[in-house]
Amino acid sequence: MKSELTSQDPYYQQIAGRLEGLIAAGTFRPGDRLPSVRSLSRDWRVSVTTAIGAYGLLEDRGLVEPRPRSGYYVRARRIAPESLPRRVEVESDPVEVSFDAITEKIMDAAAQPGVIPFGAAVPRNELLPSAKLASLFGSVVRSAGASAFQYSMPPGLPELRIELAKRLVGAGIAVSPDEIITTSGALDAVLLAVTATCKAGDVIAVESPTYFGILSMVMELGLKAVEIPVVPGEGVCAEALAEAFAAHPVKACILQPNFQNPVGSVISDDEKRRIVALAKRHGVTLIEDDLYGDLHFSGKRPTSLMAFDNGSTVIHCGSYSKSIAPGLRVGWIVPGASRYHRIKSLKYATSLANPTASELVVAEFLKSGGVDRHLRKVRRIYARQTHEIREAILECFPADIRVTLPAGGFLLWCQLPEGFDSEAFALAALKRKISVVPGTLFSASGGLRNCFRISCGSPLDDTSRRALGILAQLARA
């Protein structure tokens, strides 16, 4: 990168210009960490002030962004609004959720060896901190002895709940360890929350699109779902939420406020505050699934819905399935004082206990600071992979495709014009050993047929790039 500076322009402008050229050429790609201020100062033989000035100029141009205690990173390029998916119209009346055989077929195929996993919302094995977790597993088992293989009965291991209480402060949640119940992943937590607040035949509000595991749960519990549209880039529509609360006897509402699956949107703090007040006014329980909150690409972690509640309206659910490792099955629920004993009793009655060894490992990983180091690494990787796969989709798919631009997580929501059949598209892709998830699986009423979800949990290598080319051909067909 080093070359001679001239005396014509201020040094900071010349350095910024050279770095801008390298970014344009792809040497530094979106999500990449740029040289530190001290490295830039040393390599170019300029003062630290000049190096900071160069980065400040690039920040003003929208090319880089600073991250506290981490440095400067290449910012994803700004995207025209017309390239983002449009808000879709949804069924305004409550519906009974149903899935056909395609759901199980697509989910089974996504886990098969040899299938390119654009349909699986899981990190690639190389992104899991497996060596560190294995080391911690050995040490905690030696320390705990046989008790590491006993049940972890509700509310869960104290050492894990202590660390979780510390971590939740970053999401704006101030609770004691005694207010947390550990679970077997986030879906277990959401199931406990829904079971505690609803009974068969009740109406529950869900996002559209939303994670199909939530819809499957609603179906199995015999609930009716009223759909609330999610606006790409903004999150759930508060106006539609207000209309649904006023028109129907909604008992609870399941929301993913941060990096929503599948759209990747984040609800702003002002809207979160408004939604909590709205739910409180109508007596609706908000069930918050904050699974992806730690996977932000820049800045700080988004705030939780519970941060705007006094403990009576929001039930907070989360897990480390996406941010550390899916197989650990470590999650939690903060139910609030009025529902604590009910949910603890339900935990006994449903899954009874959690894997003790997993809870010990995660507690030690949190305590040692290893989680923060791991998250800094995977955030950069997910930012890069998501950008690269998005660019590849826009390059090879039909020109009228629309793709989300998430600021966290690793999922892309793609939209083609009405008439596109994502179920036929997904089944055709499976015959070519490629998995994608059709939009209909994310809709309580079976809509969103012209949409599909792509996972960016794996890098864009030669194999996945060829697979995207095949998907593009299928989309045209």
Foldseek 3Di string as FASTA:
>chain_A
DDDADDPPDPPLCVVLVVVVVCDVVVVADALRADDALVVVCVRHVHDSVSSVSNVVVCVVVVQWDAFPPPHIHGHQDDDDPLQADAWDDFDQDWAQFDDDPLVVVQVVLLPDPPFANQADQAFDPVLAPVVLLVVLLVVVCVVVPPVLFDFQFPQGDLLLLQLVQVVLVLQLDHDHSVLKRKFQFQLRQVLLVCVLFDAAAAEEEEEAQADLSVLVSCNVRNYIYGYFIAGQQAGTDLVSVLVSLVPGVHREYEGAQALGPARGYHHDPVVLLVNQVSCVVSNYAYEYEPAWQLFFLHDGGHHDSCSNPPQPHYKYKYACCHQHNVVLSIIMIRNGPVCRVVSSVVCCVPVRGHNSSSSSSVSVCSVVCVSVVSSSVVSSVLSRLQSVVVVLLCVQAPVQKHWGNHRGRFKIKIFHDPPQAVSVLQVVLVVVSYHWAASLSSGSVSDNRRMTMTGSSDHDDPVVSVSSNVSRVSRVD
